[in-house]
Amino acid sequence: MKKTLVSGILGFAAATITASAAPKTITLNAASYPAGAPITATFGGGPGNPDDWIGFFPASITNPSTGTYLDWRYTNGTQTAGGNLKSGSVTFANPTLLPGSYKAWYLAANGYTKIAGPASFTITPTGGPAQPTWVVNSFIQRHAVAGQAYTGKIHSYAYDPDPGDALSFSKVSGPAWLQVSTAGAISGTPANGDAGTGNFVIRATDLLGNSSTATMSIPVYLAGQEQISEVRVMSYNLWHGWGQVNQGAAKGIRSIIEADVDIIGTQETDDNASGSNAYRVQTIANELGWYYSPTGSGDSGIASRYPITAAYTAANGVAKGARIRLCSQPLREVVIFNTHLDYLHYGPYEAKRSGSSNASVLTEELASQRDEQIADVLSGMSSHLAAANTVPVFFTGDFNCPSHLDWTATNASAHYGKVVQWPVTVAIANAGLTDSFRQIYPNPVSHPGVTWSPLYSSPDEPQDRIDFVFHKGSPATPLAAEIFTNAVENKGFVYGDNVQAARSNTWPSDHASVIVTFQLSWP
């Protein structure tokens, strides 16, 4: 679903700044601080509004805007407006900034009109008492082939609970062919004698010497004997590129590690909320040693544990596709398309309206662009669908509409008494694609599979399955399916509510994701 950005506490209109004879300034008491050390900002020449404020922002920000600040105080040193200070100082006694580069601005009247700044500064790592934490205690990496160079990254599989700490990595035990760098890069070339599953114990150590270990496995195949028998496919709406929650990118990467998936179709992939403008499938690739497509940026993205060998578009970019090479010898490939359809004229809202009918719901649905979009997307996929028995096709996305397989007569009580043949999912089924979750769980009453929304989960908000994984092709058979989130601490909202509390959530999205495990078997 397409959403407006969540406004923070400081989301009001910018104020007009009255000229002052005194120079407008902001300075800091140091250029660099150990993590957690107090930071004092001194300001002057301001208009003296009671809600003028000092904000800390990532160094990448050139123009402060809603949701981009990381920490802030009013000029009275608190988070409650008051006083008419034109000059003074503010101390951030316990800043929670992670090691990195930042900027401080002096801003006017609960808005983003610059009074002075930026003042640049850095936060440097410091040790802490907590042991490093592995996201999972054991994990499997992409397979290796004897005689071929292998690389990967594991630095995001562990983190330190102390905000200012930093980790280094080392191999404790395991086959000699693999090296682990202190930065968490893995590399090496296995020999024929290394064929089989290599098990490695990896240690993460923080600045004070605290450490913990995890087990990593890497299957090694002889050349010409590669075999991938299962693949896990995920559809994941990133809620403005994980930009709507604090430390969203780190939380998002950890959620992928926890989910243990291989191929991801992402929606709302650009972080246009926090100010980073990061393209998050590129973030996933950089952090996990994966591959991504398309290059550049955009709403729709694809990330893969396995190499991407070709990129496709359908319907003028409404859907993006990729060809993924699972094995080279023998050659085994899959194709994935991913989309994010029009969010307007959302049908379930009409279904909820008193006096609505099956016909009025369908009329509202057809007022959107979704039916036209899906026709164009399926047309653009047609050559791949025709070859799906050779190269199976997966189709992921946030379709912004429910399924006709869910809004049935037996399940009408869950949908305001309505039975609707939703045009998008009907068209997808008519194109020969199968709803993978519903194949595993054919009963929508016992397994509703709701993805909208773990955040907007109030009984007053229609709850529906609008995120899907579809498949076509005889080599791919769904074995298991799940609706996946990790902890959603703040929830129960209706869409349109102020969800500022969700910034502290562990799960960095307002959608649940869908994961389907496929068995792969070629003739």
Protein backbone atom coordinates (compact mmCIF):
# COMPACT_ATOMS: atom_id res chain seq x y z
CA MET A 1 0.00 0.00 0.00
CA LYS A 2 1.21 3.51 -0.80
CA LYS A 3 1.25 5.76 2.22
CA THR A 4 1.93 9.34 3.12
CA LEU A 5 5.04 9.84 5.21
CA VAL A 6 4.67 9.67 8.98
CA SER A 7 5.05 13.13 10.42
CA GLY A 8 7.23 13.38 13.48
CA ILE A 9 6.77 15.59 16.50
CA LEU A 10 8.40 18.38 14.52
CA GLY A 11 6.06 18.24 11.54
CA PHE A 12 4.64 21.78 11.62
CA ALA A 13 5.01 24.50 9.02
CA ALA A 14 8.24 26.44 9.00
CA ALA A 15 8.17 29.84 10.70
CA THR A 16 9.32 33.15 9.26
CA ILE A 17 12.53 34.19 10.97
CA THR A 18 12.82 37.80 12.04
CA ALA A 19 16.15 39.36 11.22
CA SER A 20 18.41 39.92 14.22
CA ALA A 21 21.41 42.13 14.70
CA ALA A 22 23.27 39.31 16.41
CA PRO A 23 24.88 36.75 14.08
CA LYS A 24 22.96 33.51 13.69
CA THR A 25 25.25 30.74 14.91
CA ILE A 26 25.45 27.19 16.14
CA THR A 27 28.67 25.69 17.46
CA LEU A 28 29.52 22.46 19.24
CA ASN A 29 31.90 21.97 22.13
CA ALA A 30 33.89 19.38 20.14
CA ALA A 31 34.30 18.06 16.63
CA SER A 32 34.28 14.42 17.72
CA TYR A 33 32.71 12.55 20.61
CA PRO A 34 32.98 9.03 21.99
CA ALA A 35 29.66 7.22 21.64
CA GLY A 36 27.34 8.14 24.49
CA ALA A 37 29.33 11.21 25.57
CA PRO A 38 27.39 14.45 26.22
CA ILE A 39 27.18 16.93 23.35
CA THR A 40 26.69 20.65 23.98
CA ALA A 41 25.40 22.92 21.24
CA THR A 42 25.68 26.70 21.67
CA PHE A 43 23.34 28.88 19.62
CA GLY A 44 22.89 32.59 19.05
CA GLY A 45 21.10 35.23 17.01
CA GLY A 46 17.80 33.38 16.95
CA PRO A 47 14.25 34.75 16.79
CA GLY A 48 13.47 33.61 20.31
CA ASN A 49 10.46 31.43 19.54
CA PRO A 50 9.61 29.08 22.42
CA ASP A 51 9.73 26.16 19.99
CA ASP A 52 13.01 26.89 18.21
CA TRP A 53 15.12 23.76 18.38
CA ILE A 54 18.45 22.03 17.86
CA GLY A 55 18.44 18.84 15.79
CA PHE A 56 21.01 16.18 14.93
CA PHE A 57 20.87 14.71 11.42
CA PRO A 58 22.85 12.19 9.33
CA ALA A 59 25.75 13.78 7.49
CA SER A 60 24.06 12.94 4.17
CA ILE A 61 21.23 15.41 4.86
CA THR A 62 21.57 18.77 3.13
CA ASN A 63 18.09 20.10 3.90
CA PRO A 64 16.41 19.02 7.15
CA SER A 65 12.87 17.74 6.72
CA THR A 66 10.22 15.74 8.53
CA GLY A 67 11.47 12.41 9.82
CA THR A 68 15.16 13.01 9.09
CA TYR A 69 16.27 14.09 12.56
CA LEU A 70 17.89 11.57 14.90
CA ASP A 71 17.80 13.51 18.18
CA TRP A 72 16.56 16.96 19.16
CA ARG A 73 15.92 19.45 21.96
CA TYR A 74 14.14 22.79 22.19
CA THR A 75 16.39 25.72 23.01
CA ASN A 76 15.38 25.39 26.66
CA GLY A 77 17.16 22.02 26.73
CA THR A 78 14.04 19.85 26.97
CA GLN A 79 11.49 18.30 24.62
CA THR A 80 8.76 20.58 25.95
CA ALA A 81 8.62 23.99 24.30
CA GLY A 82 9.12 27.03 26.49
CA GLY A 83 11.12 30.18 26.99
CA ASN A 84 12.05 32.84 24.45
CA LEU A 85 15.75 32.15 24.14
CA LYS A 86 17.64 33.91 21.38
CA SER A 87 20.98 32.54 22.56
CA GLY A 88 22.23 29.93 24.97
CA SER A 89 23.35 26.32 25.03
CA VAL A 90 21.71 22.91 25.00
CA THR A 91 23.34 19.74 26.33
CA PHE A 92 22.37 16.33 25.02
CA ALA A 93 23.32 14.35 28.11
CA ASN A 94 22.83 10.83 26.77
CA PRO A 95 22.80 10.90 22.97
CA THR A 96 22.07 7.57 21.30
CA LEU A 97 23.86 8.27 18.03
CA LEU A 98 25.80 5.36 16.57
CA PRO A 99 29.39 5.80 15.39
CA GLY A 100 29.40 7.87 12.22
CA SER A 101 29.21 11.40 10.84
CA TYR A 102 26.45 13.89 11.66
CA LYS A 103 25.27 17.49 11.34
CA ALA A 104 23.61 19.80 13.86
CA TRP A 105 21.20 22.56 12.82
CA TYR A 106 19.53 25.40 14.69
CA LEU A 107 15.94 25.45 13.37
CA ALA A 108 12.89 27.65 13.83
CA ALA A 109 9.49 27.12 15.43
CA ASN A 110 8.92 23.35 15.26
CA GLY A 111 9.76 23.46 11.58
CA TYR A 112 12.68 23.15 9.23
CA THR A 113 13.57 26.74 8.42
CA LYS A 114 17.29 27.00 9.07
CA ILE A 115 18.47 29.60 11.55
CA ALA A 116 22.09 28.42 11.54
CA GLY A 117 24.18 25.42 10.67
CA PRO A 118 25.17 22.88 9.93
CA ALA A 119 27.82 22.13 12.52
CA SER A 120 29.46 18.85 11.56
CA PHE A 121 30.70 16.27 14.06
CA THR A 122 31.54 12.59 14.39
CA ILE A 123 30.79 9.86 16.88
CA THR A 124 33.60 7.38 17.48
CA PRO A 125 33.22 3.79 18.73
CA THR A 126 33.66 2.96 22.40
CA GLY A 127 33.58 -0.37 24.15
CA GLY A 128 30.75 -1.51 26.38
CA PRO A 129 29.99 -4.40 28.73
CA ALA A 130 27.49 -6.31 26.59
CA GLN A 131 28.49 -9.37 24.59
CA PRO A 132 28.03 -9.29 20.82
CA THR A 133 24.70 -10.73 19.71
CA TRP A 134 24.24 -12.94 16.68
CA VAL A 135 20.95 -12.44 14.85
CA VAL A 136 20.72 -16.23 14.56
CA ASN A 137 22.96 -18.81 16.20
CA SER A 138 23.45 -20.84 13.03
CA PHE A 139 23.05 -19.99 9.37
CA ILE A 140 23.75 -21.33 5.89
CA GLN A 141 25.49 -19.30 3.21
CA ARG A 142 25.25 -19.61 -0.58
CA HIS A 143 26.88 -22.80 -1.87
CA ALA A 144 30.45 -22.95 -3.18
CA VAL A 145 31.92 -24.95 -6.08
CA ALA A 146 35.24 -26.78 -5.86
CA GLY A 147 37.97 -24.99 -7.77
CA GLN A 148 36.05 -21.71 -7.99
CA ALA A 149 36.72 -18.57 -5.93
CA TYR A 150 34.08 -17.85 -3.30
CA THR A 151 33.18 -14.61 -1.50
CA GLY A 152 30.54 -13.49 0.96
CA LYS A 153 29.77 -11.15 3.85
CA ILE A 154 28.71 -11.94 7.41
CA HIS A 155 29.26 -8.64 9.26
CA SER A 156 25.51 -7.96 9.53
CA TYR A 157 24.82 -11.33 11.14
CA ALA A 158 26.07 -9.97 14.50
CA TYR A 159 25.71 -6.67 16.34
CA ASP A 160 26.63 -5.25 19.72
CA PRO A 161 23.90 -4.01 22.09
CA ASP A 162 26.22 -1.22 23.28
CA PRO A 163 25.43 1.63 20.85
CA GLY A 164 29.01 2.81 20.50
CA ASP A 165 30.70 -0.56 20.20
CA ALA A 166 32.25 -2.11 17.11
CA LEU A 167 32.85 -5.72 16.14
CA SER A 168 35.63 -7.69 14.52
CA PHE A 169 35.29 -11.23 13.20
CA SER A 170 37.47 -14.33 13.14
CA LYS A 171 37.26 -18.02 12.30
CA VAL A 172 37.49 -20.31 15.32
CA SER A 173 37.27 -23.61 13.46
CA GLY A 174 36.30 -25.13 10.15
CA PRO A 175 37.82 -26.22 6.83
CA ALA A 176 41.05 -24.42 5.96
CA TRP A 177 39.91 -23.22 2.53
CA LEU A 178 37.81 -20.36 3.95
CA GLN A 179 39.25 -17.15 5.40
CA VAL A 180 37.33 -14.66 7.54
CA SER A 181 38.50 -11.05 7.64
CA THR A 182 38.16 -8.86 10.71
CA ALA A 183 35.55 -6.84 8.78
CA GLY A 184 33.40 -9.93 8.29
CA ALA A 185 34.25 -10.72 4.67
CA ILE A 186 34.58 -14.41 3.82
CA SER A 187 36.63 -15.74 0.91
CA GLY A 188 38.53 -18.72 -0.41
CA THR A 189 38.60 -21.48 -2.99
CA PRO A 190 37.54 -24.97 -1.93
CA ALA A 191 39.23 -28.03 -3.39
CA ASN A 192 37.63 -31.28 -4.49
CA GLY A 193 38.38 -32.73 -1.08
CA ASP A 194 36.21 -30.05 0.52
CA ALA A 195 33.04 -31.30 -1.18
CA GLY A 196 30.16 -31.68 1.26
CA THR A 197 28.89 -29.29 3.89
CA GLY A 198 31.59 -27.23 5.55
CA ASN A 199 30.78 -26.15 9.10
CA PHE A 200 32.56 -23.14 10.59
CA VAL A 201 32.52 -21.55 14.02
CA ILE A 202 32.76 -17.76 13.71
CA ARG A 203 33.58 -15.40 16.57
CA ALA A 204 32.45 -11.77 16.88
CA THR A 205 34.54 -9.68 19.30
CA ASP A 206 33.85 -6.14 20.52
CA LEU A 207 36.27 -3.37 21.48
CA LEU A 208 36.66 -4.59 25.08
CA GLY A 209 37.23 -8.22 24.08
CA ASN A 210 33.73 -9.51 24.80
CA SER A 211 32.87 -12.17 22.26
CA SER A 212 30.31 -14.72 21.15
CA THR A 213 30.20 -17.38 18.45
CA ALA A 214 27.83 -18.72 15.82
CA THR A 215 27.92 -21.65 13.41
CA MET A 216 28.01 -21.04 9.67
CA SER A 217 27.58 -23.73 7.03
CA ILE A 218 28.58 -23.61 3.36
CA PRO A 219 27.66 -26.50 1.05
CA VAL A 220 30.46 -27.31 -1.41
CA TYR A 221 29.72 -29.11 -4.69
CA LEU A 222 32.07 -30.66 -7.21
CA ALA A 223 32.13 -28.84 -10.53
CA GLY A 224 29.24 -30.02 -12.69
CA GLN A 225 27.33 -31.43 -9.71
CA GLU A 226 25.64 -28.35 -8.22
CA GLN A 227 22.19 -29.00 -6.84
CA ILE A 228 19.72 -26.51 -5.34
CA SER A 229 16.60 -28.38 -4.28
CA GLU A 230 14.79 -25.60 -2.39
CA VAL A 231 14.44 -21.84 -2.60
CA ARG A 232 12.62 -19.46 -0.27
CA VAL A 233 10.86 -16.51 -1.94
CA MET A 234 9.69 -13.44 -0.02
CA SER A 235 7.44 -10.48 -0.82
CA TYR A 236 8.32 -7.54 1.45
CA ASN A 237 6.91 -3.99 1.51
CA LEU A 238 9.67 -1.90 3.15
CA TRP A 239 7.46 1.04 4.28
CA HIS A 240 9.34 3.82 2.55
CA GLY A 241 12.61 1.93 2.44
CA TRP A 242 12.59 1.11 6.17
CA GLY A 243 12.70 4.87 6.75
CA GLN A 244 9.68 5.07 9.04
CA VAL A 245 11.33 3.37 12.03
CA ASN A 246 14.43 4.24 14.01
CA GLN A 247 17.49 2.35 12.73
CA GLY A 248 15.20 0.87 10.11
CA ALA A 249 17.91 -0.40 7.78
CA ALA A 250 19.62 -2.40 10.53
CA LYS A 251 16.26 -3.80 11.66
CA GLY A 252 15.32 -4.64 8.09
CA ILE A 253 18.56 -6.50 7.40
CA ARG A 254 18.15 -8.47 10.62
CA SER A 255 14.59 -9.38 9.65
CA ILE A 256 15.87 -10.85 6.37
CA ILE A 257 18.51 -12.86 8.22
CA GLU A 258 15.84 -14.15 10.61
CA ALA A 259 13.54 -15.02 7.72
CA ASP A 260 16.32 -17.06 6.04
CA VAL A 261 15.12 -16.33 2.51
CA ASP A 262 16.88 -16.52 -0.84
CA ILE A 263 14.97 -14.21 -3.19
CA ILE A 264 13.04 -11.07 -2.23
CA GLY A 265 10.66 -8.86 -4.17
CA THR A 266 10.52 -5.49 -2.42
CA GLN A 267 8.03 -2.64 -2.66
CA GLU A 268 8.49 0.94 -1.43
CA THR A 269 12.18 0.23 -1.88
CA ASP A 270 13.49 3.80 -1.80
CA ASP A 271 13.99 5.39 1.63
CA ASN A 272 12.21 8.67 0.97
CA ALA A 273 11.27 9.10 4.64
CA SER A 274 14.47 9.40 6.70
CA GLY A 275 16.35 11.55 4.21
CA SER A 276 18.91 8.89 3.29
CA ASN A 277 17.36 8.28 -0.17
CA ALA A 278 18.91 4.82 0.04
CA TYR A 279 17.84 2.18 -2.47
CA ARG A 280 17.29 -0.67 -0.09
CA VAL A 281 17.86 -3.66 -2.38
CA GLN A 282 21.33 -2.21 -2.87
CA THR A 283 21.61 -1.98 0.93
CA ILE A 284 20.62 -5.65 1.21
CA ALA A 285 23.22 -6.63 -1.37
CA ASN A 286 25.94 -4.57 0.30
CA GLU A 287 25.22 -5.89 3.77
CA LEU A 288 24.70 -9.56 2.95
CA GLY A 289 26.91 -10.05 -0.08
CA TRP A 290 23.87 -10.57 -2.31
CA TYR A 291 22.82 -9.33 -5.76
CA TYR A 292 20.15 -6.80 -6.67
CA SER A 293 18.14 -5.45 -9.59
CA PRO A 294 17.43 -3.06 -11.14
CA THR A 295 20.35 -0.70 -10.69
CA GLY A 296 19.53 2.88 -9.78
CA SER A 297 16.44 3.30 -7.65
CA GLY A 298 12.70 2.83 -7.69
CA ASP A 299 9.64 1.54 -5.90
CA SER A 300 10.06 -2.06 -7.00
CA GLY A 301 13.26 -4.00 -6.35
CA ILE A 302 14.65 -7.52 -6.31
CA ALA A 303 17.38 -8.89 -4.03
CA SER A 304 18.83 -12.36 -4.42
CA ARG A 305 21.30 -14.60 -2.63
CA TYR A 306 22.14 -16.01 -6.08
CA PRO A 307 23.56 -14.13 -9.10
CA ILE A 308 21.19 -12.04 -11.22
CA THR A 309 22.01 -12.50 -14.90
CA ALA A 310 19.34 -10.37 -16.62
CA ALA A 311 16.85 -7.63 -15.74
CA TYR A 312 13.38 -7.07 -17.20
CA THR A 313 10.57 -4.54 -17.02
CA ALA A 314 6.86 -4.87 -17.69
CA ALA A 315 4.13 -2.25 -18.10
CA ASN A 316 6.62 0.62 -18.37
CA GLY A 317 8.21 -0.27 -15.07
CA VAL A 318 5.09 -1.09 -13.06
CA ALA A 319 6.78 -4.47 -12.61
CA LYS A 320 10.48 -5.26 -12.53
CA GLY A 321 11.90 -8.68 -13.28
CA ALA A 322 15.15 -10.60 -13.01
CA ARG A 323 16.64 -13.89 -14.17
CA ILE A 324 18.49 -15.62 -11.35
CA ARG A 325 21.12 -18.32 -11.81
CA LEU A 326 20.87 -20.85 -8.98
CA CYS A 327 23.46 -23.23 -10.47
CA SER A 328 25.91 -23.04 -13.35
CA GLN A 329 26.60 -26.74 -13.94
CA PRO A 330 24.01 -27.91 -14.66
CA LEU A 331 22.40 -24.56 -15.48
CA ARG A 332 19.38 -23.95 -13.28
CA GLU A 333 17.56 -20.61 -13.44
CA VAL A 334 14.37 -18.98 -12.21
CA VAL A 335 12.67 -15.71 -13.15
CA ILE A 336 11.00 -13.35 -10.71
CA PHE A 337 8.74 -10.38 -11.38
CA ASN A 338 7.77 -7.95 -8.66
CA THR A 339 5.19 -5.15 -8.62
CA HIS A 340 3.47 -2.49 -6.53
CA LEU A 341 0.05 -1.63 -7.92
CA ASP A 342 -2.02 1.55 -7.59
CA TYR A 343 -3.07 2.26 -3.99
CA LEU A 344 -6.11 4.46 -4.71
CA HIS A 345 -9.77 3.36 -4.54
CA TYR A 346 -8.97 0.62 -2.04
CA GLY A 347 -11.85 -1.83 -2.31
CA PRO A 348 -12.10 -3.07 1.30
CA TYR A 349 -12.88 0.47 2.48
CA GLU A 350 -15.93 0.48 0.23
CA ALA A 351 -16.87 -2.99 1.51
CA LYS A 352 -16.84 -1.65 5.07
CA ARG A 353 -19.07 1.32 4.19
CA SER A 354 -22.65 1.00 5.41
CA GLY A 355 -24.96 0.40 2.48
CA SER A 356 -22.28 -0.93 0.17
CA SER A 357 -22.82 -4.00 -1.97
CA ASN A 358 -20.80 -6.53 -3.92
CA ALA A 359 -21.42 -4.43 -7.02
CA SER A 360 -20.39 -1.13 -5.41
CA VAL A 361 -17.18 -2.71 -4.14
CA LEU A 362 -16.34 -3.90 -7.63
CA THR A 363 -17.18 -0.48 -9.07
CA GLU A 364 -14.81 1.17 -6.60
CA GLU A 365 -12.10 -1.35 -7.41
CA LEU A 366 -12.42 -0.69 -11.12
CA ALA A 367 -12.02 3.05 -10.50
CA SER A 368 -8.38 2.32 -9.64
CA GLN A 369 -5.63 1.63 -12.17
CA ARG A 370 -4.97 -1.85 -10.81
CA ASP A 371 -6.94 -3.81 -13.39
CA GLU A 372 -5.27 -1.98 -16.29
CA GLN A 373 -1.86 -2.28 -14.65
CA ILE A 374 -2.10 -6.01 -14.08
CA ALA A 375 -3.21 -6.60 -17.68
CA ASP A 376 -0.13 -4.74 -18.91
CA VAL A 377 2.16 -6.50 -16.44
CA LEU A 378 0.93 -9.96 -17.39
CA SER A 379 1.32 -9.08 -21.06
CA GLY A 380 4.91 -8.07 -20.38
CA MET A 381 5.52 -11.35 -18.57
CA SER A 382 3.91 -13.52 -21.24
CA SER A 383 7.07 -14.86 -22.88
CA HIS A 384 8.45 -15.89 -19.50
CA LEU A 385 5.16 -17.49 -18.48
CA ALA A 386 5.15 -19.48 -21.71
CA ALA A 387 8.58 -20.90 -20.84
CA ALA A 388 7.84 -21.49 -17.15
CA ASN A 389 8.13 -25.27 -17.38
CA THR A 390 11.79 -24.75 -18.27
CA VAL A 391 12.51 -21.65 -16.17
CA PRO A 392 9.90 -21.32 -13.41
CA VAL A 393 8.43 -17.88 -12.72
CA PHE A 394 7.70 -16.25 -9.37
CA PHE A 395 5.53 -13.14 -9.10
CA THR A 396 5.66 -11.09 -5.90
CA GLY A 397 4.20 -7.78 -4.86
CA ASP A 398 1.99 -5.47 -2.89
CA PHE A 399 -1.09 -5.65 -5.09
CA ASN A 400 -3.21 -3.29 -2.98
CA CYS A 401 -6.23 -5.54 -3.35
CA PRO A 402 -7.44 -8.78 -1.78
CA SER A 403 -7.89 -12.14 -3.47
CA HIS A 404 -11.03 -13.65 -4.92
CA LEU A 405 -9.90 -16.86 -3.18
CA ASP A 406 -10.37 -15.12 0.19
CA TRP A 407 -13.61 -13.18 -0.36
CA THR A 408 -15.76 -16.28 -0.74
CA ALA A 409 -19.28 -17.08 0.43
CA THR A 410 -17.93 -19.27 3.24
CA ASN A 411 -15.69 -16.43 4.41
CA ALA A 412 -18.09 -13.52 3.86
CA SER A 413 -18.46 -12.83 7.59
CA ALA A 414 -14.81 -11.74 7.67
CA HIS A 415 -15.40 -9.25 4.85
CA TYR A 416 -18.54 -7.32 5.78
CA GLY A 417 -20.75 -9.95 4.18
CA LYS A 418 -19.29 -9.36 0.73
CA VAL A 419 -18.27 -11.86 -1.95
CA VAL A 420 -16.04 -10.27 -4.59
CA GLN A 421 -14.28 -11.57 -7.66
CA TRP A 422 -11.30 -9.23 -7.36
CA PRO A 423 -10.18 -8.48 -10.94
CA VAL A 424 -6.43 -8.45 -10.27
CA THR A 425 -6.16 -11.91 -8.74
CA VAL A 426 -8.67 -13.33 -11.22
CA ALA A 427 -6.49 -12.04 -14.07
CA ILE A 428 -3.37 -13.53 -12.50
CA ALA A 429 -5.07 -16.91 -12.12
CA ASN A 430 -6.30 -16.75 -15.72
CA ALA A 431 -2.69 -16.19 -16.81
CA GLY A 432 -1.79 -19.56 -15.32
CA LEU A 433 -0.12 -18.38 -12.12
CA THR A 434 -0.95 -20.04 -8.81
CA ASP A 435 -1.44 -18.28 -5.48
CA SER A 436 1.32 -20.10 -3.57
CA PHE A 437 0.08 -19.36 -0.04
CA ARG A 438 -3.46 -20.39 -0.89
CA GLN A 439 -2.21 -23.61 -2.52
CA ILE A 440 -0.65 -24.56 0.80
CA TYR A 441 -3.58 -23.24 2.85
CA PRO A 442 -6.73 -23.51 0.71
CA ASN A 443 -9.12 -22.59 3.54
CA PRO A 444 -9.30 -18.78 3.99
CA VAL A 445 -11.33 -19.16 7.17
CA SER A 446 -8.70 -21.15 9.08
CA HIS A 447 -5.73 -19.45 7.39
CA PRO A 448 -6.64 -15.88 6.42
CA GLY A 449 -3.00 -14.93 5.80
CA VAL A 450 -3.52 -11.25 6.61
CA THR A 451 -0.69 -8.95 5.51
CA TRP A 452 -2.49 -5.61 5.89
CA SER A 453 -1.72 -4.82 8.53
CA PRO A 454 0.33 -5.84 11.59
CA LEU A 455 0.55 -2.12 12.45
CA TYR A 456 -2.90 -0.87 11.42
CA SER A 457 -4.49 -3.83 13.15
CA SER A 458 -7.50 -2.16 14.79
CA PRO A 459 -10.84 -3.93 14.26
CA ASP A 460 -11.91 -0.69 12.55
CA GLU A 461 -9.28 -1.21 9.82
CA PRO A 462 -10.13 -3.87 7.20
CA GLN A 463 -7.68 -6.74 7.55
CA ASP A 464 -6.75 -8.44 4.31
CA ARG A 465 -4.19 -10.42 2.38
CA ILE A 466 -2.90 -7.95 -0.22
CA ASP A 467 0.74 -9.12 -0.52
CA PHE A 468 1.32 -12.26 -2.55
CA VAL A 469 3.76 -14.78 -3.97
CA PHE A 470 2.50 -16.43 -7.15
CA HIS A 471 4.27 -19.09 -9.17
CA LYS A 472 4.13 -20.93 -12.47
CA GLY A 473 6.20 -23.81 -13.84
CA SER A 474 6.43 -27.54 -13.20
CA PRO A 475 9.94 -27.43 -11.66
CA ALA A 476 8.66 -25.38 -8.67
CA THR A 477 6.33 -26.90 -6.09
CA PRO A 478 5.38 -24.98 -2.93
CA LEU A 479 6.28 -26.89 0.23
CA ALA A 480 5.50 -24.33 2.94
CA ALA A 481 4.16 -20.81 3.29
CA GLU A 482 4.06 -18.28 6.10
CA ILE A 483 3.08 -14.74 6.92
CA PHE A 484 6.18 -13.31 8.54
CA THR A 485 6.99 -10.48 10.92
CA ASN A 486 9.14 -10.25 13.97
CA ALA A 487 8.07 -8.16 17.00
CA VAL A 488 5.48 -5.42 16.38
CA GLU A 489 5.47 -3.70 19.76
CA ASN A 490 3.20 -0.74 18.90
CA LYS A 491 0.12 -1.61 16.87
CA GLY A 492 -3.67 -1.47 16.87
CA PHE A 493 -3.92 1.67 14.74
CA VAL A 494 -6.36 2.67 12.02
CA TYR A 495 -4.81 3.88 8.77
CA GLY A 496 -4.46 7.64 9.05
CA ASP A 497 -3.66 7.62 12.77
CA ASN A 498 -0.50 9.24 14.08
CA VAL A 499 1.81 6.24 14.35
CA GLN A 500 4.84 8.03 15.75
CA ALA A 501 5.07 5.31 18.43
CA ALA A 502 5.84 2.80 15.68
CA ARG A 503 9.25 4.40 15.14
CA SER A 504 10.55 2.21 17.97
CA ASN A 505 9.09 -1.03 16.57
CA THR A 506 11.36 -3.96 15.78
CA TRP A 507 9.45 -4.87 12.61
CA PRO A 508 10.26 -2.04 10.17
CA SER A 509 7.15 -2.26 7.99
CA ASP A 510 3.41 -1.66 8.14
CA HIS A 511 2.82 -4.80 6.04
CA ALA A 512 3.51 -8.39 6.97
CA SER A 513 5.70 -10.21 4.49
CA VAL A 514 4.92 -13.46 2.70
CA ILE A 515 7.44 -16.30 2.46
CA VAL A 516 6.99 -19.43 0.36
CA THR A 517 9.43 -22.35 0.28
CA PHE A 518 9.56 -24.09 -3.10
CA GLN A 519 10.91 -27.51 -3.92
CA LEU A 520 12.83 -27.40 -7.20
CA SER A 521 13.09 -30.41 -9.46
CA TRP A 522 13.98 -30.32 -13.13
CA PRO A 523 13.43 -33.32 -15.43
